[in-house]
Amino acid sequence: MSNITSEGAPLAATPLTRAVLEIDDYASGLGWDQPARLFALVDTAALRSQEPRLADELGLGEEATGGLTPIEQDELPAGTALDELLATIAWPDVVSGCALTVERLMLPPSAEESIPEGLDDAALARWVAGHPERQEVRMTVGVLRDGSRESAVRLREKDSPTEVLTGSGLVPGLAEALAATFED
């Protein structure tokens, strides 16, 4: 379990946007070709007051009173589909939200029309990996219990903090799967 800190998040952003950008910045520092990483998002002020020793372990000083603190969870098991894994997760009440960062290959909409019919998942993955228009992306998606969502998408070929796309609806399927981890 580790805490993520960054000075690069925009001041006007919401706490969820700042948390997602902190996680994107952290993942960027680890380089590419990384496994998916799951984070609990906890209210920083509540963590500081309710769990001061844990807050100290995470490097949250007395001045840390607002926003959300991303706390990286244990490594996700290899070989398990993300949707299956997320379906098994339930968060304690102290967790305000969660976020996931994952790398994927994507195709532009124009290339999607040329996908051969009848491919199973493995064959489709091989076909996409060999396509000349493929793009490697890192997607970081965060959701809160109240339904708020935010995403950050970074292209490998434009790997720069100024080239990160943000928006609440960029990765709707992953946001839905993360939101489902808070349903009873």
Protein backbone atom coordinates (compact mmCIF):
# COMPACT_ATOMS: atom_id res chain seq x y z
CA MET A 1 0.00 0.00 0.00
CA SER A 2 1.48 3.37 -0.97
CA ASN A 3 0.37 6.96 -1.15
CA ILE A 4 0.62 8.95 -4.36
CA THR A 5 1.64 12.61 -4.32
CA SER A 6 2.11 15.06 -7.14
CA GLU A 7 2.44 18.79 -7.58
CA GLY A 8 1.16 18.79 -11.19
CA ALA A 9 -2.63 18.71 -10.72
CA PRO A 10 -4.55 21.84 -11.76
CA LEU A 11 -5.66 24.04 -8.88
CA ALA A 12 -9.20 24.50 -10.25
CA ALA A 13 -9.82 20.78 -10.64
CA THR A 14 -12.20 18.83 -8.42
CA PRO A 15 -10.70 16.56 -5.76
CA LEU A 16 -11.52 13.56 -7.98
CA THR A 17 -9.80 15.13 -10.99
CA ARG A 18 -6.74 15.91 -8.87
CA ALA A 19 -6.64 12.33 -7.54
CA VAL A 20 -6.93 10.84 -11.05
CA LEU A 21 -4.15 13.12 -12.32
CA GLU A 22 -1.97 12.24 -9.31
CA ILE A 23 -2.40 8.55 -10.12
CA ASP A 24 -1.68 9.18 -13.82
CA ASP A 25 1.49 11.06 -12.85
CA TYR A 26 2.52 8.24 -10.51
CA ALA A 27 1.90 5.60 -13.21
CA SER A 28 3.85 7.72 -15.70
CA GLY A 29 6.83 7.71 -13.35
CA LEU A 30 6.79 3.89 -13.37
CA GLY A 31 7.08 3.78 -17.16
CA TRP A 32 5.07 1.80 -19.67
CA ASP A 33 4.27 -1.91 -19.86
CA GLN A 34 3.01 -1.97 -16.27
CA PRO A 35 0.22 -4.11 -14.80
CA ALA A 36 -3.14 -2.62 -13.90
CA ARG A 37 -3.15 -0.87 -10.51
CA LEU A 38 -6.12 -0.36 -8.19
CA PHE A 39 -6.42 2.50 -5.69
CA ALA A 40 -8.78 3.28 -2.82
CA LEU A 41 -9.66 6.98 -2.64
CA VAL A 42 -10.12 8.22 0.92
CA ASP A 43 -11.07 11.63 2.26
CA THR A 44 -7.75 13.12 3.35
CA ALA A 45 -9.15 15.11 6.30
CA ALA A 46 -11.05 12.09 7.63
CA LEU A 47 -7.96 9.89 7.25
CA ARG A 48 -5.83 12.47 9.06
CA SER A 49 -8.27 12.73 11.99
CA GLN A 50 -9.40 9.08 12.26
CA GLU A 51 -6.14 7.29 11.44
CA PRO A 52 -3.27 9.67 12.29
CA ARG A 53 -0.64 6.91 12.41
CA LEU A 54 -1.64 5.63 8.98
CA ALA A 55 -1.70 9.21 7.67
CA ASP A 56 1.84 9.68 9.01
CA GLU A 57 2.95 6.41 7.35
CA LEU A 58 1.53 7.71 4.07
CA GLY A 59 3.40 10.99 4.45
CA LEU A 60 0.30 13.13 5.02
CA GLY A 61 1.40 16.01 7.22
CA GLU A 62 -0.80 18.15 9.46
CA GLU A 63 -1.42 20.49 6.53
CA ALA A 64 -3.11 17.66 4.57
CA THR A 65 -6.75 18.46 5.24
CA GLY A 66 -8.65 18.42 1.96
CA GLY A 67 -9.15 16.37 -1.12
CA LEU A 68 -8.74 12.67 -1.70
CA THR A 69 -5.75 10.49 -0.92
CA PRO A 70 -5.13 7.62 -3.38
CA ILE A 71 -3.91 4.48 -1.62
CA GLU A 72 -2.56 1.77 -3.89
CA GLN A 73 -4.00 -1.66 -3.18
CA ASP A 74 -2.19 -4.98 -3.37
CA GLU A 75 -1.08 -6.09 -6.81
CA LEU A 76 -3.92 -7.42 -8.93
CA PRO A 77 -3.71 -11.13 -9.72
CA ALA A 78 -2.31 -11.82 -13.18
CA GLY A 79 -4.45 -13.70 -15.66
CA THR A 80 -7.82 -12.58 -14.27
CA ALA A 81 -10.04 -10.45 -16.50
CA LEU A 82 -10.57 -6.97 -15.03
CA ASP A 83 -14.36 -7.21 -15.17
CA GLU A 84 -14.27 -10.50 -13.26
CA LEU A 85 -11.84 -9.11 -10.69
CA LEU A 86 -13.80 -5.90 -10.14
CA ALA A 87 -16.99 -7.91 -9.63
CA THR A 88 -15.39 -9.45 -6.51
CA ILE A 89 -14.43 -6.16 -4.83
CA ALA A 90 -16.37 -4.47 -2.04
CA TRP A 91 -15.05 -1.38 -0.25
CA PRO A 92 -15.42 -0.46 3.45
CA ASP A 93 -17.39 2.68 4.26
CA VAL A 94 -14.22 4.72 4.91
CA VAL A 95 -13.38 4.51 1.19
CA SER A 96 -14.93 7.44 -0.72
CA GLY A 97 -14.07 6.12 -4.16
CA CYS A 98 -11.68 4.05 -6.17
CA ALA A 99 -9.51 4.36 -9.24
CA LEU A 100 -7.81 2.03 -11.66
CA THR A 101 -4.98 2.64 -14.09
CA VAL A 102 -4.55 0.22 -16.98
CA GLU A 103 -2.74 0.14 -20.32
CA ARG A 104 -4.51 -0.95 -23.50
CA LEU A 105 -4.18 -0.91 -27.28
CA MET A 106 -6.84 1.12 -29.04
CA LEU A 107 -7.80 1.65 -32.64
CA PRO A 108 -9.23 4.79 -34.22
CA PRO A 109 -12.92 4.51 -35.19
CA SER A 110 -11.96 4.25 -38.87
CA ALA A 111 -9.99 1.05 -38.20
CA GLU A 112 -12.77 -0.55 -36.16
CA GLU A 113 -14.81 -0.98 -39.36
CA SER A 114 -12.18 -3.36 -40.74
CA ILE A 115 -12.17 -5.79 -37.77
CA PRO A 116 -12.67 -9.31 -39.13
CA GLU A 117 -15.88 -11.07 -38.10
CA GLY A 118 -15.92 -13.99 -35.68
CA LEU A 119 -12.65 -13.42 -33.81
CA ASP A 120 -12.44 -14.68 -30.24
CA ASP A 121 -10.86 -12.38 -27.63
CA ALA A 122 -7.33 -13.75 -28.10
CA ALA A 123 -7.48 -13.50 -31.89
CA LEU A 124 -8.93 -9.99 -31.69
CA ALA A 125 -6.12 -8.92 -29.34
CA ARG A 126 -3.53 -10.28 -31.79
CA TRP A 127 -5.23 -8.53 -34.71
CA VAL A 128 -5.32 -5.18 -32.88
CA ALA A 129 -1.67 -5.57 -31.75
CA GLY A 130 -0.61 -6.02 -35.36
CA HIS A 131 -2.69 -3.16 -36.78
CA PRO A 132 -0.59 -0.24 -38.08
CA GLU A 133 -2.99 2.39 -36.64
CA ARG A 134 -3.02 0.99 -33.09
CA GLN A 135 -2.33 3.36 -30.22
CA GLU A 136 -0.98 2.38 -26.82
CA VAL A 137 -2.82 4.25 -24.09
CA ARG A 138 -2.82 4.42 -20.31
CA MET A 139 -6.28 5.00 -18.89
CA THR A 140 -6.81 6.12 -15.31
CA VAL A 141 -10.43 6.11 -14.21
CA GLY A 142 -11.79 7.18 -10.84
CA VAL A 143 -15.29 7.04 -9.38
CA LEU A 144 -16.81 8.18 -6.11
CA ARG A 145 -19.68 6.68 -4.13
CA ASP A 146 -21.84 9.66 -5.11
CA GLY A 147 -21.54 8.69 -8.80
CA SER A 148 -18.90 11.26 -9.78
CA ARG A 149 -16.49 10.03 -12.44
CA GLU A 150 -13.26 11.23 -13.95
CA SER A 151 -10.77 9.81 -16.44
CA ALA A 152 -7.30 10.62 -17.70
CA VAL A 153 -6.00 9.12 -20.93
CA ARG A 154 -2.35 9.32 -22.02
CA LEU A 155 -1.06 8.14 -25.41
CA ARG A 156 2.31 6.46 -25.33
CA GLU A 157 3.43 8.39 -28.41
CA LYS A 158 2.57 11.69 -26.68
CA ASP A 159 3.81 10.80 -23.19
CA SER A 160 3.77 14.22 -21.56
CA PRO A 161 1.77 15.71 -18.66
CA THR A 162 0.52 18.42 -21.02
CA GLU A 163 -0.90 15.80 -23.42
CA VAL A 164 -3.19 14.01 -20.93
CA LEU A 165 -6.86 14.06 -21.90
CA THR A 166 -9.33 14.33 -19.02
CA GLY A 167 -13.09 14.03 -18.86
CA SER A 168 -15.83 12.21 -17.03
CA GLY A 169 -17.00 10.16 -20.00
CA LEU A 170 -13.78 9.05 -21.71
CA VAL A 171 -13.87 5.41 -20.52
CA PRO A 172 -17.52 4.73 -19.64
CA GLY A 173 -17.30 0.93 -19.47
CA LEU A 174 -14.46 0.96 -16.96
CA ALA A 175 -16.18 3.70 -14.94
CA GLU A 176 -19.33 1.53 -14.77
CA ALA A 177 -17.34 -1.47 -13.59
CA LEU A 178 -15.61 0.60 -10.88
CA ALA A 179 -18.91 2.16 -9.77
CA ALA A 180 -20.37 -1.34 -9.40
CA THR A 181 -17.79 -2.05 -6.66
CA PHE A 182 -19.80 0.31 -4.42
CA GLU A 183 -23.20 -1.31 -5.02
CA ASP A 184 -24.62 -3.42 -2.23
